[in-house]
Amino acid sequence: MAWDGEDSADEDAPPEVVELDSFHLGFLVGPPTGTSDLSLDSVLGLVDDAGAQVAQSLAEAGFEVVEWTAARGAPVPFDEDGDDEEDEA
C-alpha cells in the first residue's frame, strides 16, 4: 500500500453541496364560496401538506431538500449564515 500525500475521498460520504438556491411558490387565496366549514386559517395546513409532497417529489428526483417551510403572508427567508447572529451577540 502506498500513500501519495493526498487525502482520499470517502466513497460512502454524501456528495458535498456546492450550491444551494431557494424557490418560492405563492398563492393569493380568498375565502371559500358558498357554505363551508373551512376558513382561511385552514389554508396553511393544505399548503403544508402540498409542500411535503413537493419535497418528496424533489427527493425522489434526486435533489437534496435541505429544508422547506410553509408560511402565511410572505416567504420565510432561509438563514444562510445561521452562525452570524450568535457570533454578534
Protein backbone atom coordinates (compact mmCIF):
# COMPACT_ATOMS: atom_id res chain seq x y z
CA MET A 1 0.00 0.00 0.00
CA ALA A 2 1.33 3.42 -0.92
CA TRP A 3 0.41 6.89 0.29
CA ASP A 4 0.89 9.79 -2.07
CA GLY A 5 0.23 12.56 0.45
CA GLU A 6 -3.25 13.40 -0.85
CA ASP A 7 -6.34 12.84 1.25
CA SER A 8 -8.55 10.18 -0.26
CA ALA A 9 -12.25 10.91 -0.54
CA ASP A 10 -14.66 8.76 1.45
CA GLU A 11 -16.71 6.94 -1.19
CA ASP A 12 -19.58 6.41 1.28
CA ALA A 13 -19.79 10.09 2.26
CA PRO A 14 -22.68 12.09 0.81
CA PRO A 15 -21.74 14.42 -2.04
CA GLU A 16 -20.64 17.88 -0.97
CA VAL A 17 -23.32 20.50 -1.62
CA VAL A 18 -21.70 23.06 -3.87
CA GLU A 19 -24.63 25.39 -4.45
CA LEU A 20 -27.96 25.96 -2.72
CA ASP A 21 -30.82 28.02 -4.09
CA SER A 22 -34.26 28.86 -2.71
CA PHE A 23 -37.54 28.57 -4.60
CA HIS A 24 -40.92 30.03 -3.64
CA LEU A 25 -44.44 29.17 -4.74
CA GLY A 26 -47.09 31.68 -3.69
CA PHE A 27 -50.87 31.64 -3.59
CA LEU A 28 -53.33 34.52 -3.22
CA VAL A 29 -56.35 32.88 -1.57
CA GLY A 30 -59.82 34.23 -0.83
CA PRO A 31 -62.46 32.72 1.43
CA PRO A 32 -64.43 29.70 0.23
CA THR A 33 -67.52 30.46 -1.82
CA GLY A 34 -70.80 29.14 -0.57
CA THR A 35 -71.32 27.21 2.63
CA SER A 36 -68.12 25.68 4.02
CA ASP A 37 -66.60 24.64 7.32
CA LEU A 38 -63.21 25.82 6.02
CA SER A 39 -61.67 29.20 6.78
CA LEU A 40 -58.56 30.97 5.55
CA ASP A 41 -56.80 29.59 8.64
CA SER A 42 -57.14 26.08 7.18
CA VAL A 43 -55.21 27.08 4.03
CA LEU A 44 -51.82 26.84 5.76
CA GLY A 45 -52.43 23.17 6.59
CA LEU A 46 -53.29 22.44 2.98
CA VAL A 47 -50.21 24.31 1.74
CA ASP A 48 -48.05 22.50 4.30
CA ASP A 49 -49.35 19.12 3.09
CA ALA A 50 -48.63 20.12 -0.51
CA GLY A 51 -45.12 21.26 0.50
CA ALA A 52 -44.41 17.83 1.95
CA GLN A 53 -45.48 16.26 -1.33
CA VAL A 54 -43.26 18.62 -3.35
CA ALA A 55 -40.28 17.94 -1.06
CA GLN A 56 -40.83 14.20 -1.50
CA SER A 57 -41.06 14.58 -5.30
CA LEU A 58 -37.82 16.56 -5.36
CA ALA A 59 -36.08 13.93 -3.22
CA GLU A 60 -37.35 11.16 -5.49
CA ALA A 61 -35.94 13.11 -8.47
CA GLY A 62 -32.52 13.06 -6.80
CA PHE A 63 -32.40 16.53 -5.27
CA GLU A 64 -31.43 17.07 -1.65
CA VAL A 65 -34.08 19.19 0.07
CA VAL A 66 -32.13 20.75 2.92
CA GLU A 67 -35.13 22.50 4.44
CA TRP A 68 -38.57 23.74 3.45
CA THR A 69 -41.31 25.75 5.10
CA ALA A 70 -44.89 26.84 4.66
CA ALA A 71 -45.83 30.33 5.81
CA ARG A 72 -48.74 32.73 5.66
CA GLY A 73 -48.08 36.24 4.39
CA ALA A 74 -44.62 36.26 2.86
CA PRO A 75 -41.92 33.72 2.05
CA VAL A 76 -39.78 32.86 5.07
CA PRO A 77 -36.12 33.56 4.25
CA PHE A 78 -33.75 30.73 4.95
CA ASP A 79 -30.85 31.59 7.26
CA GLU A 80 -27.85 31.06 5.00
CA ASP A 81 -25.38 32.27 7.64
CA GLY A 82 -27.01 30.82 10.75
CA ASP A 83 -23.98 31.39 13.00
CA ASP A 84 -23.66 35.13 12.30
CA GLU A 85 -26.33 36.22 14.81
CA GLU A 86 -24.82 34.09 17.55
CA ASP A 87 -21.34 35.46 16.82
CA GLU A 88 -22.54 39.07 17.09
CA ALA A 89 -24.26 38.57 20.48
